[in-house]
Amino acid sequence: MSAPPRVVVPRLLFEGEPTLCFADGDTGKSLFAVALAAYSVSGEYAMLKAAAAAGDLDERAAAIEALTSIRRAGADVVITYWAKELAGWL
């Protein structure tokens, strides 16, 4: 019998585990009273900036969609290079 997640996960985090996967619809949010933070990677930011500069897409719409998808996935906090622009857009 394996140890319950409330015992195993804190130990894994303490030991420096970089990634935790939860199966069967369980999430860290359902197991622990902690905020979940996520960030958009610099490559995505650069790619969307370049596409917008080339006139291939609307940067505002693309950025808001990318960041909304992070929030929709369960993040309580989103860290992004678009922070200043997003504040003006919203």
PDB file of N, CA and C in Angstrom:
ATOM      1  N   MET A   1       0.850  -1.177   0.000  1.00  0.00           N
ATOM      2  CA  MET A   1       0.000   0.000   0.000  1.00  0.00           C
ATOM      3  C   MET A   1       0.892   1.236   0.000  1.00  0.00           C
ATOM      4  N   SER A   2       0.609   2.163  -0.891  1.00  0.00           N
ATOM      5  CA  SER A   2       1.428   3.372  -0.970  1.00  0.00           C
ATOM      6  C   SER A   2       0.921   4.425   0.002  1.00  0.00           C
ATOM      7  N   ALA A   3       1.808   5.338   0.345  1.00  0.00           N
ATOM      8  CA  ALA A   3       1.447   6.414   1.271  1.00  0.00           C
ATOM      9  C   ALA A   3       0.459   7.360   0.592  1.00  0.00           C
ATOM     10  N   PRO A   4      -0.423   7.991   1.361  1.00  0.00           N
ATOM     11  CA  PRO A   4      -1.386   8.922   0.774  1.00  0.00           C
ATOM     12  C   PRO A   4      -0.684  10.154   0.205  1.00  0.00           C
ATOM     13  N   PRO A   5      -1.282  10.783  -0.828  1.00  0.00           N
ATOM     14  CA  PRO A   5      -0.654  11.945  -1.464  1.00  0.00           C
ATOM     15  C   PRO A   5      -0.302  13.070  -0.504  1.00  0.00           C
ATOM     16  N   ARG A   6      -1.098  13.270   0.529  1.00  0.00           N
ATOM     17  CA  ARG A   6      -0.821  14.362   1.481  1.00  0.00           C
ATOM     18  C   ARG A   6       0.492  14.145   2.233  1.00  0.00           C
ATOM     19  N   VAL A   7       0.990  12.916   2.223  1.00  0.00           N
ATOM     20  CA  VAL A   7       2.272  12.605   2.854  1.00  0.00           C
ATOM     21  C   VAL A   7       3.391  12.608   1.819  1.00  0.00           C
ATOM     22  N   VAL A   8       3.139  12.006   0.677  1.00  0.00           N
ATOM     23  CA  VAL A   8       4.162  11.835  -0.345  1.00  0.00           C
ATOM     24  C   VAL A   8       4.535  13.147  -1.019  1.00  0.00           C
ATOM     25  N   VAL A   9       3.562  13.924  -1.415  1.00  0.00           N
ATOM     26  CA  VAL A   9       3.845  15.137  -2.188  1.00  0.00           C
ATOM     27  C   VAL A   9       4.696  16.132  -1.413  1.00  0.00           C
ATOM     28  N   PRO A  10       4.379  16.473  -0.170  1.00  0.00           N
ATOM     29  CA  PRO A  10       5.276  17.398   0.539  1.00  0.00           C
ATOM     30  C   PRO A  10       6.707  16.872   0.635  1.00  0.00           C
ATOM     31  N   ARG A  11       6.861  15.568   0.842  1.00  0.00           N
ATOM     32  CA  ARG A  11       8.204  15.002   0.905  1.00  0.00           C
ATOM     33  C   ARG A  11       8.922  15.164  -0.427  1.00  0.00           C
ATOM     34  N   LEU A  12       8.228  14.894  -1.527  1.00  0.00           N
ATOM     35  CA  LEU A  12       8.834  15.049  -2.848  1.00  0.00           C
ATOM     36  C   LEU A  12       9.245  16.489  -3.110  1.00  0.00           C
ATOM     37  N   LEU A  13       8.384  17.427  -2.737  1.00  0.00           N
ATOM     38  CA  LEU A  13       8.708  18.840  -2.929  1.00  0.00           C
ATOM     39  C   LEU A  13       9.908  19.235  -2.082  1.00  0.00           C
ATOM     40  N   PHE A  14       9.938  18.781  -0.847  1.00  0.00           N
ATOM     41  CA  PHE A  14      11.062  19.072   0.045  1.00  0.00           C
ATOM     42  C   PHE A  14      12.361  18.510  -0.505  1.00  0.00           C
ATOM     43  N   GLU A  15      12.275  17.348  -1.125  1.00  0.00           N
ATOM     44  CA  GLU A  15      13.464  16.698  -1.676  1.00  0.00           C
ATOM     45  C   GLU A  15      13.868  17.280  -3.034  1.00  0.00           C
ATOM     46  N   GLY A  16      13.128  18.270  -3.541  1.00  0.00           N
ATOM     47  CA  GLY A  16      13.510  18.956  -4.767  1.00  0.00           C
ATOM     48  C   GLY A  16      12.928  18.399  -6.050  1.00  0.00           C
ATOM     49  N   GLU A  17      11.877  17.627  -5.956  1.00  0.00           N
ATOM     50  CA  GLU A  17      11.242  17.083  -7.157  1.00  0.00           C
ATOM     51  C   GLU A  17      10.764  18.243  -8.040  1.00  0.00           C
ATOM     52  N   PRO A  18      11.204  18.317  -9.303  1.00  0.00           N
ATOM     53  CA  PRO A  18      10.851  19.457 -10.144  1.00  0.00           C
ATOM     54  C   PRO A  18       9.456  19.389 -10.743  1.00  0.00           C
ATOM     55  N   THR A  19       8.891  18.195 -10.885  1.00  0.00           N
ATOM     56  CA  THR A  19       7.594  18.052 -11.532  1.00  0.00           C
ATOM     57  C   THR A  19       6.756  17.025 -10.791  1.00  0.00           C
ATOM     58  N   LEU A  20       5.503  17.350 -10.609  1.00  0.00           N
ATOM     59  CA  LEU A  20       4.572  16.411  -9.996  1.00  0.00           C
ATOM     60  C   LEU A  20       3.409  16.197 -10.948  1.00  0.00           C
ATOM     61  N   CYS A  21       3.023  14.962 -11.167  1.00  0.00           N
ATOM     62  CA  CYS A  21       1.893  14.626 -12.018  1.00  0.00           C
ATOM     63  C   CYS A  21       0.799  14.015 -11.156  1.00  0.00           C
ATOM     64  N   PHE A  22      -0.425  14.432 -11.396  1.00  0.00           N
ATOM     65  CA  PHE A  22      -1.560  13.897 -10.669  1.00  0.00           C
ATOM     66  C   PHE A  22      -2.482  13.210 -11.662  1.00  0.00           C
ATOM     67  N   ALA A  23      -2.921  12.019 -11.340  1.00  0.00           N
ATOM     68  CA  ALA A  23      -3.780  11.246 -12.238  1.00  0.00           C
ATOM     69  C   ALA A  23      -5.226  11.290 -11.756  1.00  0.00           C
ATOM     70  N   ASP A  24      -6.097  10.818 -12.610  1.00  0.00           N
ATOM     71  CA  ASP A  24      -7.521  10.658 -12.276  1.00  0.00           C
ATOM     72  C   ASP A  24      -8.184  11.960 -11.851  1.00  0.00           C
ATOM     73  N   GLY A  25      -7.774  13.063 -12.440  1.00  0.00           N
ATOM     74  CA  GLY A  25      -8.421  14.332 -12.161  1.00  0.00           C
ATOM     75  C   GLY A  25      -7.995  15.005 -10.873  1.00  0.00           C
ATOM     76  N   ASP A  26      -7.127  14.371 -10.082  1.00  0.00           N
ATOM     77  CA  ASP A  26      -6.630  15.031  -8.875  1.00  0.00           C
ATOM     78  C   ASP A  26      -5.632  16.098  -9.271  1.00  0.00           C
ATOM     79  N   THR A  27      -5.639  17.182  -8.556  1.00  0.00           N
ATOM     80  CA  THR A  27      -4.649  18.229  -8.792  1.00  0.00           C
ATOM     81  C   THR A  27      -4.043  18.627  -7.461  1.00  0.00           C
ATOM     82  N   GLY A  28      -2.955  19.310  -7.519  1.00  0.00           N
ATOM     83  CA  GLY A  28      -2.353  19.835  -6.302  1.00  0.00           C
ATOM     84  C   GLY A  28      -3.312  20.749  -5.563  1.00  0.00           C
ATOM     85  N   LYS A  29      -4.155  21.445  -6.317  1.00  0.00           N
ATOM     86  CA  LYS A  29      -5.119  22.348  -5.698  1.00  0.00           C
ATOM     87  C   LYS A  29      -6.150  21.601  -4.875  1.00  0.00           C
ATOM     88  N   SER A  30      -6.505  20.389  -5.323  1.00  0.00           N
ATOM     89  CA  SER A  30      -7.504  19.639  -4.566  1.00  0.00           C
ATOM     90  C   SER A  30      -6.891  18.949  -3.351  1.00  0.00           C
ATOM     91  N   LEU A  31      -5.570  18.807  -3.356  1.00  0.00           N
ATOM     92  CA  LEU A  31      -4.908  18.124  -2.253  1.00  0.00           C
ATOM     93  C   LEU A  31      -4.333  19.074  -1.210  1.00  0.00           C
ATOM     94  N   PHE A  32      -4.008  20.287  -1.615  1.00  0.00           N
ATOM     95  CA  PHE A  32      -3.323  21.220  -0.720  1.00  0.00           C
ATOM     96  C   PHE A  32      -3.924  22.606  -0.830  1.00  0.00           C
ATOM     97  N   ALA A  33      -3.870  23.337   0.240  1.00  0.00           N
ATOM     98  CA  ALA A  33      -4.373  24.706   0.257  1.00  0.00           C
ATOM     99  C   ALA A  33      -3.237  25.658  -0.105  1.00  0.00           C
ATOM    100  N   VAL A  34      -2.779  25.567  -1.344  1.00  0.00           N
ATOM    101  CA  VAL A  34      -1.714  26.444  -1.832  1.00  0.00           C
ATOM    102  C   VAL A  34      -2.133  27.037  -3.165  1.00  0.00           C
ATOM    103  N   ALA A  35      -1.592  28.189  -3.474  1.00  0.00           N
ATOM    104  CA  ALA A  35      -1.853  28.807  -4.766  1.00  0.00           C
ATOM    105  C   ALA A  35      -0.987  28.137  -5.823  1.00  0.00           C
ATOM    106  N   LEU A  36      -1.540  27.981  -6.990  1.00  0.00           N
ATOM    107  CA  LEU A  36      -0.811  27.398  -8.105  1.00  0.00           C
ATOM    108  C   LEU A  36      -0.399  28.530  -9.043  1.00  0.00           C
ATOM    109  N   ALA A  37       0.896  28.691  -9.248  1.00  0.00           N
ATOM    110  CA  ALA A  37       1.410  29.724 -10.145  1.00  0.00           C
ATOM    111  C   ALA A  37       1.944  29.068 -11.408  1.00  0.00           C
ATOM    112  N   ALA A  38       1.766  29.745 -12.527  1.00  0.00           N
ATOM    113  CA  ALA A  38       2.284  29.258 -13.804  1.00  0.00           C
ATOM    114  C   ALA A  38       2.801  30.460 -14.583  1.00  0.00           C
ATOM    115  N   TYR A  39       3.683  30.191 -15.555  1.00  0.00           N
ATOM    116  CA  TYR A  39       4.223  31.292 -16.334  1.00  0.00           C
ATOM    117  C   TYR A  39       4.214  30.943 -17.812  1.00  0.00           C
ATOM    118  N   SER A  40       4.155  32.002 -18.620  1.00  0.00           N
ATOM    119  CA  SER A  40       4.276  31.788 -20.061  1.00  0.00           C
ATOM    120  C   SER A  40       5.756  31.884 -20.404  1.00  0.00           C
ATOM    121  N   VAL A  41       6.220  30.981 -21.228  1.00  0.00           N
ATOM    122  CA  VAL A  41       7.645  30.908 -21.527  1.00  0.00           C
ATOM    123  C   VAL A  41       8.063  31.995 -22.515  1.00  0.00           C
ATOM    124  N   SER A  42       9.327  32.362 -22.464  1.00  0.00           N
ATOM    125  CA  SER A  42       9.836  33.444 -23.303  1.00  0.00           C
ATOM    126  C   SER A  42       9.732  33.114 -24.793  1.00  0.00           C
ATOM    127  N   GLY A  43       9.850  31.849 -25.151  1.00  0.00           N
ATOM    128  CA  GLY A  43       9.749  31.467 -26.554  1.00  0.00           C
ATOM    129  C   GLY A  43       8.366  31.737 -27.128  1.00  0.00           C
ATOM    130  N   GLU A  44       7.335  31.479 -26.348  1.00  0.00           N
ATOM    131  CA  GLU A  44       5.973  31.759 -26.799  1.00  0.00           C
ATOM    132  C   GLU A  44       5.779  33.267 -26.945  1.00  0.00           C
ATOM    133  N   TYR A  45       6.291  34.013 -25.984  1.00  0.00           N
ATOM    134  CA  TYR A  45       6.200  35.473 -26.024  1.00  0.00           C
ATOM    135  C   TYR A  45       6.891  36.003 -27.286  1.00  0.00           C
ATOM    136  N   ALA A  46       8.109  35.537 -27.539  1.00  0.00           N
ATOM    137  CA  ALA A  46       8.870  35.995 -28.708  1.00  0.00           C
ATOM    138  C   ALA A  46       8.175  35.609 -30.012  1.00  0.00           C
ATOM    139  N   MET A  47       7.629  34.402 -30.054  1.00  0.00           N
ATOM    140  CA  MET A  47       6.953  33.934 -31.255  1.00  0.00           C
ATOM    141  C   MET A  47       5.726  34.789 -31.570  1.00  0.00           C
ATOM    142  N   LEU A  48       4.924  35.076 -30.548  1.00  0.00           N
ATOM    143  CA  LEU A  48       3.730  35.885 -30.774  1.00  0.00           C
ATOM    144  C   LEU A  48       4.091  37.334 -31.096  1.00  0.00           C
ATOM    145  N   LYS A  49       5.129  37.864 -30.463  1.00  0.00           N
ATOM    146  CA  LYS A  49       5.593  39.221 -30.771  1.00  0.00           C
ATOM    147  C   LYS A  49       6.040  39.308 -32.233  1.00  0.00           C
ATOM    148  N   ALA A  50       6.813  38.315 -32.689  1.00  0.00           N
ATOM    149  CA  ALA A  50       7.298  38.319 -34.072  1.00  0.00           C
ATOM    150  C   ALA A  50       6.140  38.195 -35.063  1.00  0.00           C
ATOM    151  N   ALA A  51       5.188  37.333 -34.782  1.00  0.00           N
ATOM    152  CA  ALA A  51       4.036  37.161 -35.669  1.00  0.00           C
ATOM    153  C   ALA A  51       3.195  38.437 -35.723  1.00  0.00           C
ATOM    154  N   ALA A  52       3.056  39.116 -34.593  1.00  0.00           N
ATOM    155  CA  ALA A  52       2.311  40.376 -34.560  1.00  0.00           C
ATOM    156  C   ALA A  52       3.055  41.467 -35.340  1.00  0.00           C
ATOM    157  N   ALA A  53       4.370  41.517 -35.181  1.00  0.00           N
ATOM    158  CA  ALA A  53       5.170  42.510 -35.897  1.00  0.00           C
ATOM    159  C   ALA A  53       5.101  42.286 -37.406  1.00  0.00           C
ATOM    160  N   ALA A  54       4.963  41.031 -37.828  1.00  0.00           N
ATOM    161  CA  ALA A  54       4.863  40.709 -39.249  1.00  0.00           C
ATOM    162  C   ALA A  54       3.442  40.917 -39.775  1.00  0.00           C
ATOM    163  N   GLY A  55       2.513  41.240 -38.863  1.00  0.00           N
ATOM    164  CA  GLY A  55       1.126  41.455 -39.262  1.00  0.00           C
ATOM    165  C   GLY A  55       0.319  40.183 -39.436  1.00  0.00           C
ATOM    166  N   ASP A  56       0.848  39.079 -38.923  1.00  0.00           N
ATOM    167  CA  ASP A  56       0.168  37.794 -39.086  1.00  0.00           C
ATOM    168  C   ASP A  56      -0.937  37.545 -38.064  1.00  0.00           C
ATOM    169  N   LEU A  57      -0.904  38.255 -36.962  1.00  0.00           N
ATOM    170  CA  LEU A  57      -1.952  38.083 -35.957  1.00  0.00           C
ATOM    171  C   LEU A  57      -2.086  39.341 -35.111  1.00  0.00           C
ATOM    172  N   ASP A  58      -3.178  39.398 -34.381  1.00  0.00           N
ATOM    173  CA  ASP A  58      -3.440  40.503 -33.453  1.00  0.00           C
ATOM    174  C   ASP A  58      -2.788  40.145 -32.116  1.00  0.00           C
ATOM    175  N   GLU A  59      -1.743  40.878 -31.744  1.00  0.00           N
ATOM    176  CA  GLU A  59      -0.999  40.532 -30.532  1.00  0.00           C
ATOM    177  C   GLU A  59      -1.884  40.535 -29.295  1.00  0.00           C
ATOM    178  N   ARG A  60      -2.731  41.534 -29.162  1.00  0.00           N
ATOM    179  CA  ARG A  60      -3.603  41.632 -27.984  1.00  0.00           C
ATOM    180  C   ARG A  60      -4.457  40.381 -27.844  1.00  0.00           C
ATOM    181  N   ALA A  61      -5.134  39.994 -28.914  1.00  0.00           N
ATOM    182  CA  ALA A  61      -6.020  38.822 -28.872  1.00  0.00           C
ATOM    183  C   ALA A  61      -5.236  37.540 -28.610  1.00  0.00           C
ATOM    184  N   ALA A  62      -4.089  37.398 -29.256  1.00  0.00           N
ATOM    185  CA  ALA A  62      -3.288  36.182 -29.087  1.00  0.00           C
ATOM    186  C   ALA A  62      -2.723  36.082 -27.669  1.00  0.00           C
ATOM    187  N   ALA A  63      -2.248  37.205 -27.130  1.00  0.00           N
ATOM    188  CA  ALA A  63      -1.690  37.202 -25.774  1.00  0.00           C
ATOM    189  C   ALA A  63      -2.771  36.894 -24.745  1.00  0.00           C
ATOM    190  N   ILE A  64      -3.918  37.524 -24.897  1.00  0.00           N
ATOM    191  CA  ILE A  64      -5.007  37.278 -23.943  1.00  0.00           C
ATOM    192  C   ILE A  64      -5.455  35.823 -24.015  1.00  0.00           C
ATOM    193  N   GLU A  65      -5.520  35.251 -25.206  1.00  0.00           N
ATOM    194  CA  GLU A  65      -5.889  33.834 -25.336  1.00  0.00           C
ATOM    195  C   GLU A  65      -4.848  32.929 -24.683  1.00  0.00           C
ATOM    196  N   ALA A  66      -3.574  33.204 -24.916  1.00  0.00           N
ATOM    197  CA  ALA A  66      -2.506  32.379 -24.329  1.00  0.00           C
ATOM    198  C   ALA A  66      -2.548  32.439 -22.806  1.00  0.00           C
ATOM    199  N   LEU A  67      -2.738  33.629 -22.256  1.00  0.00           N
ATOM    200  CA  LEU A  67      -2.750  33.787 -20.802  1.00  0.00           C
ATOM    201  C   LEU A  67      -4.036  33.258 -20.184  1.00  0.00           C
ATOM    202  N   THR A  68      -5.149  33.423 -20.889  1.00  0.00           N
ATOM    203  CA  THR A  68      -6.418  32.884 -20.405  1.00  0.00           C
ATOM    204  C   THR A  68      -6.366  31.364 -20.342  1.00  0.00           C
ATOM    205  N   SER A  69      -5.681  30.747 -21.299  1.00  0.00           N
ATOM    206  CA  SER A  69      -5.595  29.281 -21.287  1.00  0.00           C
ATOM    207  C   SER A  69      -4.826  28.786 -20.072  1.00  0.00           C
ATOM    208  N   ILE A  70      -3.829  29.542 -19.641  1.00  0.00           N
ATOM    209  CA  ILE A  70      -3.088  29.178 -18.422  1.00  0.00           C
ATOM    210  C   ILE A  70      -4.010  29.264 -17.208  1.00  0.00           C
ATOM    211  N   ARG A  71      -4.779  30.336 -17.153  1.00  0.00           N
ATOM    212  CA  ARG A  71      -5.714  30.526 -16.038  1.00  0.00           C
ATOM    213  C   ARG A  71      -6.791  29.449 -16.056  1.00  0.00           C
ATOM    214  N   ARG A  72      -7.306  29.156 -17.247  1.00  0.00           N
ATOM    215  CA  ARG A  72      -8.351  28.137 -17.399  1.00  0.00           C
ATOM    216  C   ARG A  72      -7.847  26.764 -16.978  1.00  0.00           C
ATOM    217  N   ALA A  73      -6.550  26.529 -17.132  1.00  0.00           N
ATOM    218  CA  ALA A  73      -5.958  25.243 -16.753  1.00  0.00           C
ATOM    219  C   ALA A  73      -5.823  25.103 -15.237  1.00  0.00           C
ATOM    220  N   GLY A  74      -6.080  26.178 -14.493  1.00  0.00           N
ATOM    221  CA  GLY A  74      -6.096  26.062 -13.041  1.00  0.00           C
ATOM    222  C   GLY A  74      -5.134  26.952 -12.288  1.00  0.00           C
ATOM    223  N   ALA A  75      -4.364  27.767 -12.982  1.00  0.00           N
ATOM    224  CA  ALA A  75      -3.408  28.628 -12.284  1.00  0.00           C
ATOM    225  C   ALA A  75      -4.139  29.746 -11.537  1.00  0.00           C
ATOM    226  N   ASP A  76      -3.711  30.008 -10.322  1.00  0.00           N
ATOM    227  CA  ASP A  76      -4.228  31.136  -9.552  1.00  0.00           C
ATOM    228  C   ASP A  76      -3.458  32.409  -9.875  1.00  0.00           C
ATOM    229  N   VAL A  77      -2.189  32.238 -10.221  1.00  0.00           N
ATOM    230  CA  VAL A  77      -1.294  33.347 -10.534  1.00  0.00           C
ATOM    231  C   VAL A  77      -0.642  33.045 -11.876  1.00  0.00           C
ATOM    232  N   VAL A  78      -0.614  34.057 -12.767  1.00  0.00           N
ATOM    233  CA  VAL A  78       0.051  33.896 -14.058  1.00  0.00           C
ATOM    234  C   VAL A  78       1.183  34.911 -14.134  1.00  0.00           C
ATOM    235  N   ILE A  79       2.385  34.433 -14.395  1.00  0.00           N
ATOM    236  CA  ILE A  79       3.555  35.293 -14.516  1.00  0.00           C
ATOM    237  C   ILE A  79       3.859  35.414 -16.007  1.00  0.00           C
ATOM    238  N   THR A  80       4.005  36.658 -16.490  1.00  0.00           N
ATOM    239  CA  THR A  80       4.151  36.846 -17.924  1.00  0.00           C
ATOM    240  C   THR A  80       4.951  38.096 -18.268  1.00  0.00           C
ATOM    241  N   TYR A  81       5.593  38.055 -19.438  1.00  0.00           N
ATOM    242  CA  TYR A  81       6.280  39.224 -19.970  1.00  0.00           C
ATOM    243  C   TYR A  81       5.273  40.281 -20.430  1.00  0.00           C
ATOM    244  N   TRP A  82       4.026  39.895 -20.634  1.00  0.00           N
ATOM    245  CA  TRP A  82       2.987  40.814 -21.091  1.00  0.00           C
ATOM    246  C   TRP A  82       2.325  41.582 -19.951  1.00  0.00           C
ATOM    247  N   ALA A  83       2.835  41.527 -18.744  1.00  0.00           N
ATOM    248  CA  ALA A  83       2.148  42.098 -17.583  1.00  0.00           C
ATOM    249  C   ALA A  83       1.766  43.575 -17.783  1.00  0.00           C
ATOM    250  N   LYS A  84       2.709  44.402 -18.184  1.00  0.00           N
ATOM    251  CA  LYS A  84       2.401  45.832 -18.348  1.00  0.00           C
ATOM    252  C   LYS A  84       1.388  46.060 -19.469  1.00  0.00           C
ATOM    253  N   GLU A  85       1.589  45.401 -20.601  1.00  0.00           N
ATOM    254  CA  GLU A  85       0.657  45.565 -21.712  1.00  0.00           C
ATOM    255  C   GLU A  85      -0.731  45.040 -21.359  1.00  0.00           C
ATOM    256  N   LEU A  86      -0.757  43.903 -20.687  1.00  0.00           N
ATOM    257  CA  LEU A  86      -2.033  43.304 -20.301  1.00  0.00           C
ATOM    258  C   LEU A  86      -2.814  44.231 -19.381  1.00  0.00           C
ATOM    259  N   ALA A  87      -2.117  44.889 -18.461  1.00  0.00           N
ATOM    260  CA  ALA A  87      -2.797  45.837 -17.566  1.00  0.00           C
ATOM    261  C   ALA A  87      -3.467  46.951 -18.361  1.00  0.00           C
ATOM    262  N   GLY A  88      -2.836  47.382 -19.418  1.00  0.00           N
ATOM    263  CA  GLY A  88      -3.438  48.414 -20.263  1.00  0.00           C
ATOM    264  C   GLY A  88      -4.575  47.895 -21.122  1.00  0.00           C
ATOM    265  N   TRP A  89      -4.463  46.649 -21.580  1.00  0.00           N
ATOM    266  CA  TRP A  89      -5.499  46.058 -22.417  1.00  0.00           C
ATOM    267  C   TRP A  89      -6.777  45.772 -21.643  1.00  0.00           C
ATOM    268  N   LEU A  90      -6.626  45.414 -20.391  1.00  0.00           N
ATOM    269  CA  LEU A  90      -7.804  45.060 -19.589  1.00  0.00           C
ATOM    270  C   LEU A  90      -8.298  46.283 -18.907  1.00  0.00           C
TER     271      LEU A  90
END
